[in-house]
């Protein structure tokens, strides 16, 4: 996972999003070779490039890209099994043509990058979209729903319906590859915790923490996952780290009780 690690730790912030995303997929597929999937993206971009001139207006590019990606290839959002881990793995999304908003957006971003088009990821609350903006033409696109073109107000209305609140001003800022990778890791972490894949959940949390931009609650969640793995001393250390990082946490008394219970358990073993 060298590419992902170097991106998250800022050692090599120019790591491309496709390679980082394929490293994330190695949580699910440890032996995954990224090269065939990089070549798949190359081929997709080349086919779209044959259909639209490099100097064509943005509207023409979007039409050609959408027709191929969502029409001929059949990429679509997996609404029926949204929390399937495969929806977060770029190789699976390319193979099965099913994915989450963010992984489908990664495909759009990476195809556009190969063709010299400017497409940014926009990390709205509870939904991820992309923005095409070449300086002359700009629009938001929803890859989860067939690349549907949306205005900013339409995006805001969608988020209001999903969450009960409109997006903050910062939510409209283009995401960096690191921010996208961290959000993908958060998604996978949630899936792994929910289905009891605690070893993989721990890997995801470790990567999130290595990125440096995280809430103190990641320490707590790492402690909870370590408890599930019966790594009690490590769990206690993470819970103590959480309390140190968030001394006014609302759940402080519960966490203190958990630490005391672990301490008593370890004491009884001696």
Foldseek 3Di string as FASTA:
>chain_A
DVLLLCCLLVVPVPRQLLVNLQVLLCLVVVPDDSVVVVVVLVVLLVVLCVVDPLPDDPVVSLVSSLCVLCNVQNQAEPPPCQLDLLQSRLVSCSVVSYHAQLSLLSSVCSSCVSSVWDKFWQQFPPHIWIWGCPPPDIFIFGSNHSRDTDHLVRVQVVVCVVPVHGGDPVSRDGDRSNRSSLVSLVSSLVSCVVVVVLVSNLVSLVSNVSSVPDALCSLQVNLVSVVSVVVLVSSLVSLVSSCVRPVPDPCVVVSVVVSVVSVVVVVVVD
